[in-house]
C-alpha atoms as a PDB file:
ATOM      1  CA  MET A   1     332.014  10.197 121.345  1.00  0.00           C
ATOM      2  CA  LYS A   2     329.871  10.193 124.467  1.00  0.00           C
ATOM      3  CA  ILE A   3     328.383  13.674 124.738  1.00  0.00           C
ATOM      4  CA  LEU A   4     325.822  13.285 127.515  1.00  0.00           C
ATOM      5  CA  ASN A   5     328.191  14.311 130.297  1.00  0.00           C
ATOM      6  CA  LEU A   6     330.106  16.939 128.349  1.00  0.00           C
ATOM      7  CA  SER A   7     329.743  20.617 129.065  1.00  0.00           C
ATOM      8  CA  ARG A   8     327.986  22.846 126.574  1.00  0.00           C
ATOM      9  CA  ARG A   9     331.340  24.296 125.502  1.00  0.00           C
ATOM     10  CA  ALA A  10     332.889  20.844 125.056  1.00  0.00           C
ATOM     11  CA  ILE A  11     329.953  19.755 122.886  1.00  0.00           C
ATOM     12  CA  LYS A  12     330.278  22.903 120.765  1.00  0.00           C
ATOM     13  CA  ASN A  13     334.029  22.352 120.375  1.00  0.00           C
ATOM     14  CA  ALA A  14     333.493  18.718 119.397  1.00  0.00           C
ATOM     15  CA  ALA A  15     330.862  19.775 116.861  1.00  0.00           C
ATOM     16  CA  ASP A  16     333.186  22.442 115.454  1.00  0.00           C
ATOM     17  CA  ARG A  17     335.857  19.761 114.989  1.00  0.00           C
ATOM     18  CA  GLY A  18     333.382  17.412 113.254  1.00  0.00           C
ATOM     19  CA  GLN A  19     333.562  14.857 116.056  1.00  0.00           C
ATOM     20  CA  ILE A  20     329.835  14.448 116.661  1.00  0.00           C
ATOM     21  CA  THR A  21     327.674  12.084 114.665  1.00  0.00           C
ATOM     22  CA  LEU A  22     323.961  12.747 114.324  1.00  0.00           C
ATOM     23  CA  GLY A  23     321.505  10.028 113.348  1.00  0.00           C
ATOM     24  CA  VAL A  24     318.411  11.251 111.500  1.00  0.00           C
ATOM     25  CA  ILE A  25     315.720   8.621 111.155  1.00  0.00           C
ATOM     26  CA  GLY A  26     313.257   9.447 108.406  1.00  0.00           C
ATOM     27  CA  LEU A  27     314.404  11.404 105.353  1.00  0.00           C
ATOM     28  CA  GLY A  28     311.159  12.980 104.208  1.00  0.00           C
ATOM     29  CA  TYR A  29     310.142  16.633 103.957  1.00  0.00           C
ATOM     30  CA  VAL A  30     311.390  17.392 107.474  1.00  0.00           C
ATOM     31  CA  GLY A  31     314.162  14.849 107.992  1.00  0.00           C
ATOM     32  CA  LEU A  32     316.184  15.369 104.811  1.00  0.00           C
ATOM     33  CA  PRO A  33     316.567  19.160 105.016  1.00  0.00           C
ATOM     34  CA  THR A  34     317.293  18.827 108.745  1.00  0.00           C
ATOM     35  CA  ALA A  35     319.976  16.204 108.117  1.00  0.00           C
ATOM     36  CA  LEU A  36     321.631  18.238 105.382  1.00  0.00           C
ATOM     37  CA  LEU A  37     321.658  21.444 107.425  1.00  0.00           C
ATOM     38  CA  PHE A  38     323.285  19.677 110.373  1.00  0.00           C
ATOM     39  CA  ALA A  39     325.885  18.263 107.984  1.00  0.00           C
ATOM     40  CA  LYS A  40     326.512  21.808 106.756  1.00  0.00           C
ATOM     41  CA  ALA A  41     327.026  22.794 110.413  1.00  0.00           C
ATOM     42  CA  ASN A  42     329.976  20.348 110.521  1.00  0.00           C
ATOM     43  CA  LEU A  43     328.304  17.318 112.102  1.00  0.00           C
ATOM     44  CA  LYS A  44     328.717  13.885 110.604  1.00  0.00           C
ATOM     45  CA  VAL A  45     325.172  12.800 109.723  1.00  0.00           C
ATOM     46  CA  VAL A  46     323.855   9.308 109.135  1.00  0.00           C
ATOM     47  CA  GLY A  47     320.410   9.585 107.559  1.00  0.00           C
ATOM     48  CA  ARG A  48     318.277   6.460 107.619  1.00  0.00           C
ATOM     49  CA  ASP A  49     315.083   5.767 105.727  1.00  0.00           C
ATOM     50  CA  ILE A  50     313.282   2.505 104.996  1.00  0.00           C
ATOM     51  CA  ASP A  51     312.604   3.589 101.402  1.00  0.00           C
ATOM     52  CA  ALA A  52     315.545   2.194  99.430  1.00  0.00           C
ATOM     53  CA  SER A  53     314.654   4.276  96.362  1.00  0.00           C
ATOM     54  CA  LYS A  54     315.186   7.484  98.380  1.00  0.00           C
ATOM     55  CA  ILE A  55     318.579   6.285  99.569  1.00  0.00           C
ATOM     56  CA  GLU A  56     319.606   5.274  96.050  1.00  0.00           C
ATOM     57  CA  LYS A  57     318.678   8.719  94.710  1.00  0.00           C
ATOM     58  CA  LEU A  58     320.545  10.511  97.486  1.00  0.00           C
ATOM     59  CA  ARG A  59     323.667   8.425  96.854  1.00  0.00           C
ATOM     60  CA  LYS A  60     323.471   9.486  93.199  1.00  0.00           C
ATOM     61  CA  GLY A  61     323.174  13.140  94.227  1.00  0.00           C
ATOM     62  CA  GLN A  62     319.497  13.316  93.311  1.00  0.00           C
ATOM     63  CA  ILE A  63     316.711  14.893  95.334  1.00  0.00           C
ATOM     64  CA  TYR A  64     313.144  13.546  95.529  1.00  0.00           C
ATOM     65  CA  ILE A  65     311.661  16.605  97.243  1.00  0.00           C
ATOM     66  CA  SER A  66     310.897  19.195  94.587  1.00  0.00           C
ATOM     67  CA  SER A  67     309.407  21.858  96.849  1.00  0.00           C
ATOM     68  CA  GLU A  68     312.662  22.709  98.662  1.00  0.00           C
ATOM     69  CA  LYS A  69     314.776  25.118  96.632  1.00  0.00           C
ATOM     70  CA  GLY A  70     318.517  24.678  97.007  1.00  0.00           C
ATOM     71  CA  LEU A  71     318.286  21.179  98.457  1.00  0.00           C
ATOM     72  CA  ARG A  72     320.195  19.545  95.590  1.00  0.00           C
ATOM     73  CA  GLU A  73     323.019  22.069  95.935  1.00  0.00           C
ATOM     74  CA  LEU A  74     323.108  21.528  99.677  1.00  0.00           C
ATOM     75  CA  LEU A  75     323.318  17.749  99.175  1.00  0.00           C
ATOM     76  CA  HIS A  76     326.345  18.205  96.918  1.00  0.00           C
ATOM     77  CA  GLU A  77     327.940  20.623  99.379  1.00  0.00           C
ATOM     78  CA  VAL A  78     327.736  18.201 102.313  1.00  0.00           C
ATOM     79  CA  GLN A  79     328.290  14.899 100.508  1.00  0.00           C
ATOM     80  CA  ASP A  80     331.398  14.101 102.589  1.00  0.00           C
ATOM     81  CA  ASP A  81     329.519  14.525 105.881  1.00  0.00           C
ATOM     82  CA  PHE A  82     326.157  12.952 104.986  1.00  0.00           C
ATOM     83  CA  PHE A  83     325.713   9.189 104.728  1.00  0.00           C
ATOM     84  CA  PRO A  84     322.244   8.006 103.603  1.00  0.00           C
ATOM     85  CA  THR A  85     321.361   4.408 104.434  1.00  0.00           C
ATOM     86  CA  THR A  86     318.542   1.930 104.917  1.00  0.00           C
ATOM     87  CA  ARG A  87     320.520  -0.068 107.471  1.00  0.00           C
ATOM     88  CA  ILE A  88     319.693   0.530 111.133  1.00  0.00           C
ATOM     89  CA  ASP A  89     323.141  -0.816 112.096  1.00  0.00           C
ATOM     90  CA  ASP A  90     324.760   2.181 110.391  1.00  0.00           C
ATOM     91  CA  LEU A  91     323.377   4.324 113.228  1.00  0.00           C
ATOM     92  CA  LYS A  92     325.208   2.447 115.991  1.00  0.00           C
ATOM     93  CA  ASN A  93     327.907   5.119 116.406  1.00  0.00           C
ATOM     94  CA  ALA A  94     325.582   8.113 116.431  1.00  0.00           C
ATOM     95  CA  ASP A  95     325.894  10.377 119.464  1.00  0.00           C
ATOM     96  CA  VAL A  96     322.410  11.835 119.207  1.00  0.00           C
ATOM     97  CA  PHE A  97     319.258  11.140 117.189  1.00  0.00           C
ATOM     98  CA  ILE A  98     316.424  13.010 115.556  1.00  0.00           C
ATOM     99  CA  LEU A  99     313.295  11.032 114.728  1.00  0.00           C
ATOM    100  CA  SER A 100     311.427  12.456 111.781  1.00  0.00           C
ATOM    101  CA  VAL A 101     308.672   9.990 111.026  1.00  0.00           C
ATOM    102  CA  PRO A 102     304.946  10.462 110.429  1.00  0.00           C
ATOM    103  CA  THR A 103     302.749  10.893 113.481  1.00  0.00           C
ATOM    104  CA  LEU A 104     299.255  10.593 112.127  1.00  0.00           C
ATOM    105  CA  ILE A 105     295.961  11.356 113.850  1.00  0.00           C
ATOM    106  CA  LYS A 106     293.410   8.560 113.864  1.00  0.00           C
ATOM    107  CA  GLN A 107     289.667   8.974 113.294  1.00  0.00           C
ATOM    108  CA  ASP A 108     289.123   9.052 117.073  1.00  0.00           C
ATOM    109  CA  LYS A 109     291.561  12.010 117.353  1.00  0.00           C
ATOM    110  CA  THR A 110     294.288   9.965 119.077  1.00  0.00           C
ATOM    111  CA  LEU A 111     297.833   9.736 117.777  1.00  0.00           C
ATOM    112  CA  ASP A 112     298.882   6.858 115.576  1.00  0.00           C
ATOM    113  CA  LEU A 113     302.396   6.118 116.834  1.00  0.00           C
ATOM    114  CA  ASN A 114     302.997   3.055 114.654  1.00  0.00           C
ATOM    115  CA  HIS A 115     305.818   4.701 112.681  1.00  0.00           C
ATOM    116  CA  THR A 116     307.491   5.858 115.882  1.00  0.00           C
ATOM    117  CA  LYS A 117     307.225   2.400 117.426  1.00  0.00           C
ATOM    118  CA  LEU A 118     308.832   0.847 114.340  1.00  0.00           C
ATOM    119  CA  VAL A 119     311.903   3.009 114.874  1.00  0.00           C
END
């Protein structure tokens, strides 16, 4: 669905009907909870990470972030609306994206945008 030219109300209605797909790139401490909460809010979510072991665990219903209470239960609750993947092509039908990748600060106090550029 192309949402850029839709009104705010039309976007909300589409989201309520589960017709919007969100792509979340990076499933770490920020990306995974964000992806799962958007899936709980009735969006279809494709979560992509380059770490195949994370994706394998998520597909088995396992969580690799121990500090977030309730995350495992949330994963099980939204399993029909959350699709974890390593494949960038699986994001081709996403309507909107969230990038959640490390942005490190170098020794000279400038940003290291290498992770962002890889996306």
